[in-house]
Structures are given as C-alpha cells and as structure tokens.
PDB file of N, CA and C in Angstrom:
ATOM      1  N   GLN A   1      11.704  15.383 -26.201  1.00  0.00           N
ATOM      2  CA  GLN A   1      10.819  15.804 -25.190  1.00  0.00           C
ATOM      3  C   GLN A   1      10.592  14.975 -24.495  1.00  0.00           C
ATOM      4  N   ILE A   2      10.894  14.753 -23.151  1.00  0.00           N
ATOM      5  CA  ILE A   2      10.623  14.314 -21.751  1.00  0.00           C
ATOM      6  C   ILE A   2       9.187  14.779 -21.252  1.00  0.00           C
ATOM      7  N   SER A   3       8.344  14.310 -20.846  1.00  0.00           N
ATOM      8  CA  SER A   3       6.911  14.611 -19.890  1.00  0.00           C
ATOM      9  C   SER A   3       6.959  13.243 -18.441  1.00  0.00           C
ATOM     10  N   GLY A   4       6.566  14.165 -17.209  1.00  0.00           N
ATOM     11  CA  GLY A   4       6.500  13.012 -16.447  1.00  0.00           C
ATOM     12  C   GLY A   4       5.212  13.222 -15.533  1.00  0.00           C
ATOM     13  N   VAL A   5       4.819  12.072 -15.108  1.00  0.00           N
ATOM     14  CA  VAL A   5       3.395  11.774 -13.970  1.00  0.00           C
ATOM     15  C   VAL A   5       4.240  11.700 -13.054  1.00  0.00           C
ATOM     16  N   GLU A   6       3.692  12.014 -12.270  1.00  0.00           N
ATOM     17  CA  GLU A   6       3.755  11.271 -10.568  1.00  0.00           C
ATOM     18  C   GLU A   6       2.519   9.999 -10.703  1.00  0.00           C
ATOM     19  N   GLU A   7       2.416   9.211  -9.826  1.00  0.00           N
ATOM     20  CA  GLU A   7       1.249   8.569  -9.904  1.00  0.00           C
ATOM     21  C   GLU A   7       1.297   7.539  -8.694  1.00  0.00           C
ATOM     22  N   PRO A   8       0.275   7.197  -7.770  1.00  0.00           N
ATOM     23  CA  PRO A   8       0.041   6.930  -6.406  1.00  0.00           C
ATOM     24  C   PRO A   8       1.615   5.825  -6.149  1.00  0.00           C
ATOM     25  N   LEU A   9       1.745   5.117  -6.820  1.00  0.00           N
ATOM     26  CA  LEU A   9       3.457   3.939  -6.152  1.00  0.00           C
ATOM     27  C   LEU A   9       3.917   4.306  -7.417  1.00  0.00           C
ATOM     28  N   SER A  10       4.073   4.978  -8.060  1.00  0.00           N
ATOM     29  CA  SER A  10       5.149   5.173  -8.996  1.00  0.00           C
ATOM     30  C   SER A  10       5.522   6.810  -9.844  1.00  0.00           C
ATOM     31  N   LEU A  11       6.427   6.963 -10.210  1.00  0.00           N
ATOM     32  CA  LEU A  11       6.681   8.248 -11.016  1.00  0.00           C
ATOM     33  C   LEU A  11       6.899   7.557 -12.528  1.00  0.00           C
ATOM     34  N   ARG A  12       6.233   7.955 -13.576  1.00  0.00           N
ATOM     35  CA  ARG A  12       5.843   7.559 -14.854  1.00  0.00           C
ATOM     36  C   ARG A  12       6.457   8.479 -15.779  1.00  0.00           C
ATOM     37  N   LEU A  13       7.971   8.155 -16.569  1.00  0.00           N
ATOM     38  CA  LEU A  13       8.498   9.286 -17.594  1.00  0.00           C
ATOM     39  C   LEU A  13       8.198   8.803 -19.513  1.00  0.00           C
ATOM     40  N   ARG A  14       7.782   9.985 -19.798  1.00  0.00           N
ATOM     41  CA  ARG A  14       7.678   9.733 -21.467  1.00  0.00           C
ATOM     42  C   ARG A  14       8.729  10.373 -21.915  1.00  0.00           C
ATOM     43  N   VAL A  15       9.536   9.425 -22.441  1.00  0.00           N
ATOM     44  CA  VAL A  15      10.021  10.182 -23.589  1.00  0.00           C
ATOM     45  C   VAL A  15      10.218   9.960 -25.157  1.00  0.00           C
ATOM     46  N   GLU A  16       9.766  11.001 -25.474  1.00  0.00           N
ATOM     47  CA  GLU A  16       9.134  11.109 -27.068  1.00  0.00           C
ATOM     48  C   GLU A  16       9.614  10.491 -27.799  1.00  0.00           C
ATOM     49  N   GLY A  17       8.980   9.458 -28.394  1.00  0.00           N
ATOM     50  CA  GLY A  17       9.706   8.817 -29.813  1.00  0.00           C
ATOM     51  C   GLY A  17      10.103   7.452 -28.999  1.00  0.00           C
ATOM     52  N   LEU A  18      10.836   7.693 -28.195  1.00  0.00           N
ATOM     53  CA  LEU A  18      11.518   6.151 -27.607  1.00  0.00           C
ATOM     54  C   LEU A  18      11.088   5.300 -26.500  1.00  0.00           C
ATOM     55  N   ALA A  19      10.171   5.602 -25.667  1.00  0.00           N
ATOM     56  CA  ALA A  19      10.435   4.495 -24.423  1.00  0.00           C
ATOM     57  C   ALA A  19      10.108   5.444 -23.934  1.00  0.00           C
ATOM     58  N   THR A  20       8.734   4.853 -22.696  1.00  0.00           N
ATOM     59  CA  THR A  20       7.997   4.671 -21.127  1.00  0.00           C
ATOM     60  C   THR A  20       8.854   4.086 -20.020  1.00  0.00           C
ATOM     61  N   VAL A  21       9.442   5.248 -18.835  1.00  0.00           N
ATOM     62  CA  VAL A  21      10.242   4.610 -17.632  1.00  0.00           C
ATOM     63  C   VAL A  21       9.416   4.468 -16.890  1.00  0.00           C
ATOM     64  N   THR A  22       9.035   3.326 -15.696  1.00  0.00           N
ATOM     65  CA  THR A  22       8.275   3.432 -14.886  1.00  0.00           C
ATOM     66  C   THR A  22       9.163   3.495 -13.747  1.00  0.00           C
ATOM     67  N   PHE A  23       9.820   4.319 -12.484  1.00  0.00           N
ATOM     68  CA  PHE A  23      10.322   4.217 -11.374  1.00  0.00           C
ATOM     69  C   PHE A  23       8.783   4.031 -10.184  1.00  0.00           C
ATOM     70  N   PRO A  24       9.268   2.833  -9.401  1.00  0.00           N
ATOM     71  CA  PRO A  24       8.622   3.006  -8.218  1.00  0.00           C
ATOM     72  C   PRO A  24       9.188   3.811  -7.083  1.00  0.00           C
ATOM     73  N   LYS A  25       8.337   3.575  -6.143  1.00  0.00           N
ATOM     74  CA  LYS A  25       8.537   4.825  -5.270  1.00  0.00           C
ATOM     75  C   LYS A  25       8.973   3.627  -4.450  1.00  0.00           C
ATOM     76  N   VAL A  26      10.344   4.134  -3.478  1.00  0.00           N
ATOM     77  CA  VAL A  26      10.761   3.368  -2.561  1.00  0.00           C
ATOM     78  C   VAL A  26       9.903   3.453  -1.187  1.00  0.00           C
ATOM     79  N   ARG A  27       9.334   2.490  -0.642  1.00  0.00           N
ATOM     80  CA  ARG A  27       8.731   1.755  -0.073  1.00  0.00           C
ATOM     81  C   ARG A  27       9.195   2.576   1.374  1.00  0.00           C
ATOM     82  N   ASP A  28       8.205   3.330   2.246  1.00  0.00           N
ATOM     83  CA  ASP A  28       9.269   2.919   3.643  1.00  0.00           C
ATOM     84  C   ASP A  28       8.150   1.515   4.472  1.00  0.00           C
ATOM     85  N   PRO A  29       9.214   0.798   5.156  1.00  0.00           N
ATOM     86  CA  PRO A  29       9.081  -0.416   5.542  1.00  0.00           C
ATOM     87  C   PRO A  29       8.630  -0.113   7.157  1.00  0.00           C
ATOM     88  N   SER A  30       7.977   1.270   7.170  1.00  0.00           N
ATOM     89  CA  SER A  30       7.889   1.638   8.972  1.00  0.00           C
ATOM     90  C   SER A  30       6.104   1.927   8.282  1.00  0.00           C
ATOM     91  N   GLU A  31       5.391   2.016   6.574  1.00  0.00           N
ATOM     92  CA  GLU A  31       4.192   2.128   6.271  1.00  0.00           C
ATOM     93  C   GLU A  31       3.465   0.975   5.871  1.00  0.00           C
ATOM     94  N   LEU A  32       2.785   0.600   6.130  1.00  0.00           N
ATOM     95  CA  LEU A  32       1.890  -1.265   5.659  1.00  0.00           C
ATOM     96  C   LEU A  32       0.895  -0.148   4.491  1.00  0.00           C
ATOM     97  N   ARG A  33       1.183  -0.724   3.410  1.00  0.00           N
ATOM     98  CA  ARG A  33       0.041  -0.118   2.248  1.00  0.00           C
ATOM     99  C   ARG A  33      -0.299  -1.100   1.707  1.00  0.00           C
ATOM    100  N   SER A  34      -1.698  -0.546   0.995  1.00  0.00           N
ATOM    101  CA  SER A  34      -2.167  -1.366  -0.180  1.00  0.00           C
ATOM    102  C   SER A  34      -2.184  -1.009  -1.426  1.00  0.00           C
ATOM    103  N   ASP A  35      -2.111  -2.447  -2.397  1.00  0.00           N
ATOM    104  CA  ASP A  35      -2.438  -1.747  -4.028  1.00  0.00           C
ATOM    105  C   ASP A  35      -3.240  -0.754  -4.527  1.00  0.00           C
ATOM    106  N   PHE A  36      -4.999  -1.423  -3.636  1.00  0.00           N
ATOM    107  CA  PHE A  36      -5.965  -1.017  -4.042  1.00  0.00           C
ATOM    108  C   PHE A  36      -6.563   0.413  -2.986  1.00  0.00           C
ATOM    109  N   ASN A  37      -7.484   0.566  -3.061  1.00  0.00           N
ATOM    110  CA  ASN A  37      -8.233   1.820  -2.153  1.00  0.00           C
ATOM    111  C   ASN A  37      -9.590   0.756  -2.125  1.00  0.00           C
ATOM    112  N   GLY A  38     -10.052   1.387  -0.946  1.00  0.00           N
ATOM    113  CA  GLY A  38     -10.801   0.601  -0.207  1.00  0.00           C
ATOM    114  C   GLY A  38     -11.143   1.548   1.052  1.00  0.00           C
ATOM    115  N   LYS A  39     -11.881   1.083   1.827  1.00  0.00           N
ATOM    116  CA  LYS A  39     -12.420   1.739   2.967  1.00  0.00           C
ATOM    117  C   LYS A  39     -12.133   1.158   4.553  1.00  0.00           C
ATOM    118  N   LEU A  40     -10.864   1.313   5.448  1.00  0.00           N
ATOM    119  CA  LEU A  40     -11.041   0.524   6.450  1.00  0.00           C
ATOM    120  C   LEU A  40     -12.162  -0.468   7.264  1.00  0.00           C
ATOM    121  N   VAL A  41     -12.075  -1.465   7.095  1.00  0.00           N
ATOM    122  CA  VAL A  41     -13.533  -1.949   8.256  1.00  0.00           C
ATOM    123  C   VAL A  41     -12.772  -2.215   9.233  1.00  0.00           C
ATOM    124  N   ARG A  42     -11.615  -2.950   9.392  1.00  0.00           N
ATOM    125  CA  ARG A  42     -11.002  -3.973  10.551  1.00  0.00           C
ATOM    126  C   ARG A  42      -9.855  -4.233  10.950  1.00  0.00           C
ATOM    127  N   PHE A  43      -9.514  -4.113  12.176  1.00  0.00           N
ATOM    128  CA  PHE A  43      -8.092  -4.287  12.606  1.00  0.00           C
ATOM    129  C   PHE A  43      -7.927  -5.618  12.454  1.00  0.00           C
ATOM    130  N   LEU A  44      -6.602  -6.273  12.113  1.00  0.00           N
ATOM    131  CA  LEU A  44      -6.883  -8.090  12.829  1.00  0.00           C
ATOM    132  C   LEU A  44      -6.133  -8.268  13.778  1.00  0.00           C
ATOM    133  N   HIS A  45      -5.108  -7.084  13.928  1.00  0.00           N
ATOM    134  CA  HIS A  45      -4.326  -7.305  15.145  1.00  0.00           C
ATOM    135  C   HIS A  45      -4.685  -6.199  16.213  1.00  0.00           C
ATOM    136  N   ALA A  46      -4.364  -6.690  17.610  1.00  0.00           N
ATOM    137  CA  ALA A  46      -4.014  -5.233  18.237  1.00  0.00           C
ATOM    138  C   ALA A  46      -3.190  -4.530  18.048  1.00  0.00           C
ATOM    139  N   ASP A  47      -3.384  -3.021  18.602  1.00  0.00           N
ATOM    140  CA  ASP A  47      -2.337  -2.329  18.439  1.00  0.00           C
ATOM    141  C   ASP A  47      -1.322  -2.633  19.284  1.00  0.00           C
ATOM    142  N   GLY A  48       0.320  -2.907  18.490  1.00  0.00           N
ATOM    143  CA  GLY A  48       1.022  -2.815  19.658  1.00  0.00           C
ATOM    144  C   GLY A  48       1.659  -4.500  18.994  1.00  0.00           C
ATOM    145  N   ALA A  49       0.893  -5.248  18.132  1.00  0.00           N
ATOM    146  CA  ALA A  49       1.070  -6.334  18.060  1.00  0.00           C
ATOM    147  C   ALA A  49       2.288  -7.004  17.491  1.00  0.00           C
ATOM    148  N   ASP A  50       2.851  -8.323  17.698  1.00  0.00           N
ATOM    149  CA  ASP A  50       4.033  -8.260  16.569  1.00  0.00           C
ATOM    150  C   ASP A  50       3.323  -9.151  15.209  1.00  0.00           C
ATOM    151  N   ILE A  51       3.575  -8.856  14.289  1.00  0.00           N
ATOM    152  CA  ILE A  51       3.395  -9.683  12.692  1.00  0.00           C
ATOM    153  C   ILE A  51       4.554  -9.895  11.805  1.00  0.00           C
ATOM    154  N   GLN A  52       3.954 -10.833  11.339  1.00  0.00           N
ATOM    155  CA  GLN A  52       4.924 -11.461  10.569  1.00  0.00           C
ATOM    156  C   GLN A  52       4.224 -11.467   9.077  1.00  0.00           C
ATOM    157  N   GLU A  53       5.744 -11.671   8.291  1.00  0.00           N
ATOM    158  CA  GLU A  53       5.894 -10.996   6.565  1.00  0.00           C
ATOM    159  C   GLU A  53       4.815 -12.157   6.156  1.00  0.00           C
ATOM    160  N   GLY A  54       3.916 -11.592   5.069  1.00  0.00           N
ATOM    161  CA  GLY A  54       2.764 -11.939   4.304  1.00  0.00           C
ATOM    162  C   GLY A  54       1.540 -12.085   5.322  1.00  0.00           C
ATOM    163  N   GLU A  55       1.762 -12.314   6.547  1.00  0.00           N
ATOM    164  CA  GLU A  55       0.286 -11.956   7.601  1.00  0.00           C
ATOM    165  C   GLU A  55      -0.637 -11.244   7.122  1.00  0.00           C
ATOM    166  N   PRO A  56      -1.865 -11.383   7.301  1.00  0.00           N
ATOM    167  CA  PRO A  56      -3.115  -9.848   6.932  1.00  0.00           C
ATOM    168  C   PRO A  56      -2.911  -9.133   8.425  1.00  0.00           C
ATOM    169  N   TYR A  57      -3.100  -8.062   8.194  1.00  0.00           N
ATOM    170  CA  TYR A  57      -2.842  -7.340   8.952  1.00  0.00           C
ATOM    171  C   TYR A  57      -3.922  -6.283   8.970  1.00  0.00           C
ATOM    172  N   VAL A  58      -5.408  -6.156   7.644  1.00  0.00           N
ATOM    173  CA  VAL A  58      -6.515  -5.410   8.020  1.00  0.00           C
ATOM    174  C   VAL A  58      -7.337  -5.918   6.755  1.00  0.00           C
ATOM    175  N   GLU A  59      -8.140  -5.857   7.158  1.00  0.00           N
ATOM    176  CA  GLU A  59      -9.110  -5.581   6.466  1.00  0.00           C
ATOM    177  C   GLU A  59      -9.913  -4.372   5.692  1.00  0.00           C
ATOM    178  N   LEU A  60     -10.055  -4.029   4.215  1.00  0.00           N
ATOM    179  CA  LEU A  60     -10.490  -3.702   3.580  1.00  0.00           C
ATOM    180  C   LEU A  60     -11.605  -3.512   2.726  1.00  0.00           C
ATOM    181  N   GLU A  61     -12.501  -2.426   2.766  1.00  0.00           N
ATOM    182  CA  GLU A  61     -14.231  -3.079   1.696  1.00  0.00           C
ATOM    183  C   GLU A  61     -13.392  -1.877   0.636  1.00  0.00           C
ATOM    184  N   ALA A  62     -13.796  -2.925  -0.673  1.00  0.00           N
ATOM    185  CA  ALA A  62     -13.223  -1.828  -2.373  1.00  0.00           C
ATOM    186  C   ALA A  62     -14.848  -2.762  -2.759  1.00  0.00           C
ATOM    187  N   MET A  63     -15.646  -1.670  -3.629  1.00  0.00           N
ATOM    188  CA  MET A  63     -16.709  -2.344  -4.221  1.00  0.00           C
ATOM    189  C   MET A  63     -17.994  -3.573  -3.440  1.00  0.00           C
ATOM    190  N   LYS A  64     -18.155  -3.382  -2.344  1.00  0.00           N
ATOM    191  CA  LYS A  64     -19.014  -4.202  -1.804  1.00  0.00           C
ATOM    192  C   LYS A  64     -17.799  -5.535  -1.502  1.00  0.00           C
ATOM    193  N   MET A  65     -16.448  -5.529  -1.516  1.00  0.00           N
ATOM    194  CA  MET A  65     -16.244  -6.742  -1.383  1.00  0.00           C
ATOM    195  C   MET A  65     -14.857  -6.500  -0.424  1.00  0.00           C
ATOM    196  N   ILE A  66     -14.966  -7.666   0.127  1.00  0.00           N
ATOM    197  CA  ILE A  66     -14.241  -7.405   1.811  1.00  0.00           C
ATOM    198  C   ILE A  66     -12.628  -7.708   1.512  1.00  0.00           C
ATOM    199  N   MET A  67     -11.560  -7.274   1.350  1.00  0.00           N
ATOM    200  CA  MET A  67     -10.259  -8.091   1.289  1.00  0.00           C
ATOM    201  C   MET A  67      -9.342  -7.563   1.931  1.00  0.00           C
ATOM    202  N   SER A  68      -8.384  -8.733   2.590  1.00  0.00           N
ATOM    203  CA  SER A  68      -7.605  -8.584   3.419  1.00  0.00           C
ATOM    204  C   SER A  68      -5.753  -8.223   2.835  1.00  0.00           C
ATOM    205  N   VAL A  69      -5.446  -7.594   3.566  1.00  0.00           N
ATOM    206  CA  VAL A  69      -3.906  -7.061   3.162  1.00  0.00           C
ATOM    207  C   VAL A  69      -3.132  -7.445   3.943  1.00  0.00           C
ATOM    208  N   ARG A  70      -2.030  -7.713   3.330  1.00  0.00           N
ATOM    209  CA  ARG A  70      -0.873  -8.922   3.928  1.00  0.00           C
ATOM    210  C   ARG A  70       0.383  -7.724   4.191  1.00  0.00           C
ATOM    211  N   SER A  71       1.177  -7.399   5.036  1.00  0.00           N
ATOM    212  CA  SER A  71       2.334  -7.345   5.382  1.00  0.00           C
ATOM    213  C   SER A  71       3.396  -7.285   4.651  1.00  0.00           C
ATOM    214  N   GLY A  72       4.161  -6.773   4.175  1.00  0.00           N
ATOM    215  CA  GLY A  72       5.412  -6.989   3.331  1.00  0.00           C
ATOM    216  C   GLY A  72       6.787  -7.079   3.658  1.00  0.00           C
ATOM    217  N   VAL A  73       6.717  -7.028   5.391  1.00  0.00           N
ATOM    218  CA  VAL A  73       7.927  -7.122   6.442  1.00  0.00           C
ATOM    219  C   VAL A  73       7.061  -7.341   7.545  1.00  0.00           C
ATOM    220  N   ALA A  74       8.333  -8.375   8.371  1.00  0.00           N
ATOM    221  CA  ALA A  74       7.679  -8.561   9.755  1.00  0.00           C
ATOM    222  C   ALA A  74       8.083  -7.195  10.658  1.00  0.00           C
ATOM    223  N   GLY A  75       6.958  -6.880  11.722  1.00  0.00           N
ATOM    224  CA  GLY A  75       7.266  -5.836  12.703  1.00  0.00           C
ATOM    225  C   GLY A  75       6.394  -5.654  13.511  1.00  0.00           C
ATOM    226  N   LYS A  76       5.868  -4.374  14.464  1.00  0.00           N
ATOM    227  CA  LYS A  76       5.430  -4.206  15.664  1.00  0.00           C
ATOM    228  C   LYS A  76       3.896  -3.877  14.818  1.00  0.00           C
ATOM    229  N   ILE A  77       3.175  -3.609  15.094  1.00  0.00           N
ATOM    230  CA  ILE A  77       1.951  -2.749  14.172  1.00  0.00           C
ATOM    231  C   ILE A  77       1.379  -1.766  15.001  1.00  0.00           C
ATOM    232  N   HIS A  78       1.288   0.049  14.517  1.00  0.00           N
ATOM    233  CA  HIS A  78       0.493   0.632  15.243  1.00  0.00           C
ATOM    234  C   HIS A  78      -0.510   1.237  14.486  1.00  0.00           C
ATOM    235  N   HIS A  79      -1.679   1.387  15.287  1.00  0.00           N
ATOM    236  CA  HIS A  79      -2.839   1.755  14.248  1.00  0.00           C
ATOM    237  C   HIS A  79      -2.829   3.350  14.373  1.00  0.00           C
ATOM    238  N   THR A  80      -2.228   4.206  13.455  1.00  0.00           N
ATOM    239  CA  THR A  80      -2.364   5.582  13.395  1.00  0.00           C
ATOM    240  C   THR A  80      -4.159   6.250  13.214  1.00  0.00           C
ATOM    241  N   VAL A  81      -4.429   5.564  12.591  1.00  0.00           N
ATOM    242  CA  VAL A  81      -6.467   5.749  12.044  1.00  0.00           C
ATOM    243  C   VAL A  81      -7.522   4.332  12.557  1.00  0.00           C
ATOM    244  N   GLY A  82      -8.185   5.079  12.823  1.00  0.00           N
ATOM    245  CA  GLY A  82      -9.953   3.758  12.800  1.00  0.00           C
ATOM    246  C   GLY A  82      -9.811   3.456  12.020  1.00  0.00           C
ATOM    247  N   PRO A  83     -11.378   2.339  11.836  1.00  0.00           N
ATOM    248  CA  PRO A  83     -11.689   1.825  10.834  1.00  0.00           C
ATOM    249  C   PRO A  83     -12.749   2.857  10.773  1.00  0.00           C
ATOM    250  N   GLY A  84     -13.377   3.003   9.303  1.00  0.00           N
ATOM    251  CA  GLY A  84     -14.195   3.957   9.138  1.00  0.00           C
ATOM    252  C   GLY A  84     -13.821   4.973   7.725  1.00  0.00           C
TER     253      GLY A  84
END
C-alpha cells in the first residue's frame, strides 16, 4: 500500500514495509521563500531593488527572535505584501 502526505515544502510517499520517499516541491525562482514560519518585520531593500544570491532581503520574527532571510537567486525584488 502507498500513502502520500503533502507537506509545505515537499511530498512524502510511504510504501508500506519498504521505504519512505520525499520529493521536494519545485521552487519558483520568482518567489523568495523561507524554510520557517514567522511574521514579516521589515524589508531590507526598496521595492524594485536588485539583490544578489545569498543577500538578506527581509527580516522575520518567530518566537520573539528576529531572523534575516537570504535570497536563493539573484534578481529584482518586488514587494507583494507589507510588514505585519
């Protein structure tokens, strides 16, 4: 029997008695995402600014801790949501 669970960043398939296989979701390079949940505190670049791969672009707050999120690719950033 095969069962599957869709997770935020992957699809996990379990083959009963044999194995569990995880397939990561294909990431859209136009979306910059974080591997953890949190509240958007502030943008570190203006809307339309160019950013480089590995450069911090936003700060998130999770459990009263502020964390910078780094871009996975270089490009131009466009704000689609506001802080909060």
